[in-house]
Structures are given as structure tokens and as C-alpha cells.
Protein backbone atom coordinates (compact mmCIF):
# COMPACT_ATOMS: atom_id res chain seq x y z
CA UNK A 1 -30.00 26.54 -8.38
CA UNK A 2 -31.65 28.47 -5.53
CA UNK A 3 -29.63 28.82 -2.34
CA UNK A 4 -30.93 27.48 0.95
CA UNK A 5 -33.20 30.10 2.52
CA UNK A 6 -34.13 30.62 6.16
CA UNK A 7 -37.88 31.16 5.79
CA UNK A 8 -38.47 28.77 8.69
CA UNK A 9 -37.19 31.43 11.09
CA UNK A 10 -40.44 33.37 10.67
CA UNK A 11 -42.81 30.41 10.46
CA UNK A 12 -44.65 30.04 13.80
CA UNK A 13 -46.93 27.39 15.31
CA UNK A 14 -47.00 23.64 14.82
CA UNK A 15 -44.79 21.98 12.23
CA UNK A 16 -47.62 21.74 9.69
CA UNK A 17 -48.49 25.40 10.28
CA UNK A 18 -44.87 26.40 9.72
CA UNK A 19 -44.70 24.47 6.47
CA UNK A 20 -47.86 26.07 5.10
CA UNK A 21 -46.78 29.53 6.25
CA UNK A 22 -43.43 29.13 4.52
CA UNK A 23 -45.17 27.94 1.36
CA UNK A 24 -47.44 30.99 1.42
CA UNK A 25 -44.38 33.23 1.89
CA UNK A 26 -43.14 31.81 -1.39
CA UNK A 27 -46.18 33.26 -3.14
CA UNK A 28 -48.46 30.22 -3.25
CA UNK A 29 -52.14 30.96 -2.58
CA UNK A 30 -54.06 27.84 -1.61
CA UNK A 31 -57.51 29.35 -2.12
CA UNK A 32 -59.52 27.29 -4.58
CA UNK A 33 -56.74 24.75 -5.10
CA UNK A 34 -56.93 20.96 -5.17
CA UNK A 35 -54.22 19.94 -2.71
CA UNK A 36 -52.78 16.47 -2.19
CA UNK A 37 -51.13 15.46 1.09
CA UNK A 38 -49.06 12.26 1.08
CA UNK A 39 -48.42 10.74 4.51
CA UNK A 40 -51.18 12.51 6.42
CA UNK A 41 -50.44 11.71 10.07
CA UNK A 42 -53.45 12.70 12.18
CA UNK A 43 -54.78 15.12 9.57
CA UNK A 44 -53.54 18.44 10.94
CA UNK A 45 -52.36 19.64 7.55
CA UNK A 46 -55.78 18.90 6.08
CA UNK A 47 -57.45 20.77 8.92
CA UNK A 48 -55.27 23.83 8.36
CA UNK A 49 -55.80 23.73 4.60
CA UNK A 50 -59.58 23.69 5.07
CA UNK A 51 -59.88 26.24 7.87
CA UNK A 52 -57.12 28.74 7.08
CA UNK A 53 -56.30 28.34 3.39
CA UNK A 54 -59.76 27.73 1.85
CA UNK A 55 -58.66 24.98 -0.50
CA UNK A 56 -61.24 23.66 -2.95
CA UNK A 57 -60.56 20.00 -2.14
CA UNK A 58 -58.14 18.16 0.14
CA UNK A 59 -56.84 14.73 -0.88
CA UNK A 60 -55.19 12.81 1.95
CA UNK A 61 -53.18 9.76 0.89
CA UNK A 62 -51.61 7.23 3.25
CA UNK A 63 -50.62 3.57 3.46
CA UNK A 64 -52.09 3.18 6.98
CA UNK A 65 -55.84 2.92 7.51
CA UNK A 66 -55.53 4.16 11.12
CA UNK A 67 -54.16 7.48 9.86
CA UNK A 68 -57.08 7.83 7.47
CA UNK A 69 -59.55 7.09 10.26
CA UNK A 70 -57.96 9.69 12.54
CA UNK A 71 -57.99 12.26 9.75
CA UNK A 72 -61.62 11.51 8.86
CA UNK A 73 -62.64 12.09 12.47
CA UNK A 74 -60.85 15.45 12.42
CA UNK A 75 -62.07 16.70 9.04
CA UNK A 76 -65.66 15.50 9.28
CA UNK A 77 -66.21 18.07 12.03
CA UNK A 78 -65.21 20.98 9.78
CA UNK A 79 -68.03 22.62 7.78
CA UNK A 80 -67.45 22.89 4.03
CA UNK A 81 -64.21 20.91 4.14
CA UNK A 82 -64.34 18.96 0.89
CA UNK A 83 -62.01 16.03 1.28
CA UNK A 84 -61.16 12.62 -0.12
CA UNK A 85 -59.06 10.12 1.84
CA UNK A 86 -57.24 7.43 -0.09
CA UNK A 87 -55.60 4.23 1.17
CA UNK A 88 -52.62 3.42 -1.03
CA UNK A 89 -52.49 -0.33 -1.56
CA UNK A 90 -50.59 -0.39 -4.86
CA UNK A 91 -48.72 1.96 -7.17
CA UNK A 92 -50.37 5.35 -6.92
CA UNK A 93 -51.76 7.30 -9.88
CA UNK A 94 -51.53 10.87 -8.60
CA UNK A 95 -52.79 12.15 -11.96
CA UNK A 96 -56.28 10.84 -11.23
CA UNK A 97 -56.79 13.57 -8.60
CA UNK A 98 -56.03 16.52 -10.93
CA UNK A 99 -54.01 18.21 -8.20
CA UNK A 100 -52.79 21.81 -8.23
CA UNK A 101 -50.45 21.32 -5.28
CA UNK A 102 -48.77 18.23 -3.79
CA UNK A 103 -47.27 18.25 -0.27
CA UNK A 104 -45.40 15.54 1.62
CA UNK A 105 -43.93 16.23 5.06
CA UNK A 106 -41.17 14.03 6.47
CA UNK A 107 -42.34 10.89 4.67
CA UNK A 108 -39.61 10.21 2.12
CA UNK A 109 -37.08 9.39 4.84
CA UNK A 110 -39.15 6.34 5.79
CA UNK A 111 -39.19 4.89 2.27
CA UNK A 112 -37.52 1.45 2.27
CA UNK A 113 -35.21 1.85 -0.72
CA UNK A 114 -33.93 4.08 -3.50
CA UNK A 115 -36.07 2.15 -6.01
CA UNK A 116 -39.21 2.83 -3.96
CA UNK A 117 -38.35 6.54 -3.97
CA UNK A 118 -37.64 6.51 -7.72
CA UNK A 119 -41.01 4.86 -8.47
CA UNK A 120 -42.82 7.35 -6.21
CA UNK A 121 -41.14 10.31 -7.90
CA UNK A 122 -41.98 8.84 -11.30
CA UNK A 123 -45.66 8.91 -10.30
CA UNK A 124 -45.34 12.61 -9.45
CA UNK A 125 -43.54 13.28 -12.72
CA UNK A 126 -46.25 11.45 -14.65
CA UNK A 127 -49.04 13.39 -12.90
CA UNK A 128 -47.49 16.75 -13.89
CA UNK A 129 -48.72 18.52 -10.76
CA UNK A 130 -47.94 22.25 -11.08
CA UNK A 131 -46.50 22.75 -7.58
CA UNK A 132 -44.76 20.10 -5.46
CA UNK A 133 -43.42 20.59 -1.90
CA UNK A 134 -41.38 17.77 -0.37
CA UNK A 135 -39.83 17.85 3.10
CA UNK A 136 -36.83 15.55 3.37
CA UNK A 137 -34.22 14.31 5.83
CA UNK A 138 -31.18 15.92 4.25
CA UNK A 139 -27.96 14.23 3.20
CA UNK A 140 -25.41 15.04 0.51
CA UNK A 141 -24.60 12.62 -1.03
CA UNK A 142 -27.74 10.53 -0.59
CA UNK A 143 -27.67 7.73 1.96
CA UNK A 144 -30.00 4.77 2.45
CA UNK A 145 -30.78 2.45 5.38
CA UNK A 146 -29.30 4.88 7.92
CA UNK A 147 -30.07 5.04 11.64
CA UNK A 148 -30.30 8.48 13.14
CA UNK A 149 -30.23 9.03 16.92
CA UNK A 150 -30.54 12.78 17.38
CA UNK A 151 -32.02 13.92 20.68
CA UNK A 152 -32.69 17.39 19.30
CA UNK A 153 -34.73 15.99 16.42
CA UNK A 154 -36.65 13.36 18.39
CA UNK A 155 -37.57 15.80 21.17
CA UNK A 156 -38.82 18.25 18.53
CA UNK A 157 -40.90 15.48 16.93
CA UNK A 158 -42.39 14.50 20.29
CA UNK A 159 -43.22 18.11 21.15
CA UNK A 160 -44.85 18.80 17.77
CA UNK A 161 -46.74 15.51 17.98
CA UNK A 162 -48.28 16.46 21.32
CA UNK A 163 -49.23 19.89 19.98
CA UNK A 164 -50.76 18.33 16.85
CA UNK A 165 -52.79 15.83 18.87
CA UNK A 166 -50.82 12.73 17.86
CA UNK A 167 -50.50 10.11 20.59
CA UNK A 168 -47.81 7.46 20.79
CA UNK A 169 -47.82 4.36 22.97
CA UNK A 170 -44.33 5.22 24.22
CA UNK A 171 -42.07 8.28 23.95
CA UNK A 172 -40.15 8.76 20.73
CA UNK A 173 -36.52 8.09 21.64
CA UNK A 174 -35.11 7.17 18.27
CA UNK A 175 -36.22 7.49 14.68
CA UNK A 176 -35.24 5.30 11.77
CA UNK A 177 -34.52 7.22 8.59
CA UNK A 178 -34.00 4.83 5.68
CA UNK A 179 -33.75 7.42 2.90
CA UNK A 180 -31.65 10.57 3.31
CA UNK A 181 -31.45 12.80 0.21
CA UNK A 182 -31.13 16.37 -1.04
CA UNK A 183 -33.44 18.56 -3.13
CA UNK A 184 -30.97 18.25 -6.00
CA UNK A 185 -31.13 14.45 -5.77
CA UNK A 186 -34.91 14.60 -6.13
CA UNK A 187 -34.71 17.08 -9.01
CA UNK A 188 -32.57 14.70 -11.05
CA UNK A 189 -35.44 12.20 -10.94
CA UNK A 190 -38.24 14.62 -11.89
CA UNK A 191 -36.78 16.38 -14.96
CA UNK A 192 -40.12 17.99 -15.85
CA UNK A 193 -39.65 20.27 -12.81
CA UNK A 194 -37.30 23.00 -11.69
CA UNK A 195 -36.21 23.60 -8.10
CA UNK A 196 -37.79 26.92 -7.17
CA UNK A 197 -36.70 27.17 -3.52
CA UNK A 198 -35.41 25.18 -0.56
CA UNK A 199 -35.26 26.01 3.13
CA UNK A 200 -34.38 24.57 6.50
CA UNK A 201 -37.28 23.25 8.58
CA UNK A 202 -35.66 21.51 11.58
CA UNK A 203 -32.10 21.70 12.85
CA UNK A 204 -30.39 18.88 14.69
CA UNK A 205 -27.72 19.06 17.36
CA UNK A 206 -25.04 19.44 14.69
CA UNK A 207 -24.39 22.78 13.02
CA UNK A 208 -25.93 21.76 9.73
CA UNK A 209 -29.69 21.46 9.19
CA UNK A 210 -31.20 17.99 9.20
CA UNK A 211 -34.52 18.65 7.46
CA UNK A 212 -35.05 20.63 4.28
CA UNK A 213 -38.17 21.57 2.33
CA UNK A 214 -37.93 21.52 -1.45
CA UNK A 215 -40.27 23.55 -3.67
CA UNK A 216 -40.60 22.33 -7.27
CA UNK A 217 -42.47 23.98 -10.16
CA UNK A 218 -43.55 22.18 -13.32
CA UNK A 219 -41.80 23.63 -16.38
């Protein structure tokens, strides 16, 4: 099992930029790839993938139509940015997109239950996507329906949100994390994959890291 690395220490810029930079440090070239992004926010990851990583096609998937609208407004202004935005209204078939890479940033922690997470991971397993990168709120052992009040984390989220152009109606003072897991917990539920790497992405006020990124490769 790979040890936790510290690649985030050399990953500059916004949170999405750091994630992509760390992924590229791990030897992944996005050029010509079909990349899926689950939980797209305001579309910054899609913008970076199109403008700096020359992906062949960006697939943005979200359960909120307002996020899709914001992302469409951002991506439609970029020349030669091939993209498809998908509103998830039922169980998702990720295999239909023929993805080379699947990325999800800080989404799993908002899943409502362990069963929801298991079903979502089963869809990834079924799609057999070659490369999967999942950023999680870390806990060992896994915990569900937890409240986290961490000023270090919420201030970092607010700062990154302003930089990424995301506007909130009121300042982020607390964040609800319902699903806290580890990379090893995820791996147990996607046996077709191996855990290639994991690294810290955001530290909280405690000494241990509070967010990890997990890199999985299809075997």
C-alpha cells in the first residue's frame, strides 16, 4: 500500500489547480483524454482541463442544475473546449461516457449514507475507468453523519471559493461532512482497482491532515 505523500506542498494556485498539478506530477498526461468530473462546482476544473491540459472532452456531472448552468457559462467562452454537462437524476452509468480519467473533489463527504457511497463506487467499478482520483474527508475508521467545525478548513474553503469565482449568500462558517473515509476504505469497495498513490490536500487545525486525495488504477 503506498504511503501518504506530500505532493501538495509543491502544488500552487487554486485548489483545482493544485489537484491537477499533483495528478500530473504522478505521471498522468491529460492531453487527448476523456475526463469526467463529478461534483463540478462552478466549473473551474473543466476550465483548467480545457485551457491547460488539452483534454479531448470534458464531462461535468452534478446533481444541481445551477452548477451546470454556471459551468456552461464558463466553458462556452473557451474556444475548442469540447464538453458535455450531465444532470444526475437517477443512478449514474459512468460507462456510457467511455472515460479515460475520473475526478471527484471533496464531494464524497457530502454523500448522505454509506449505502449511497457504496452504490456510487459500484458505478465506477462497473465503468472500469482506467484512472480514478477521489478527494475525501479523511477518517480512519470511517465515520458517517459527522459534524465538523474546523475554522482552518472553512476559512480555506472560503478563500479558495473566492479565488475560483464561487459566490455564497453568506460566509462559510461551518461545513457538514456526512461521510468521512480513507483511501483504503474506498479500495475495499472497488476491487478491480489498486491504490497507486495518496496525498494530503488540506490540513486542519489538528496535526493530522483532514483531506486526502486517492489515486486508483484499474488492474
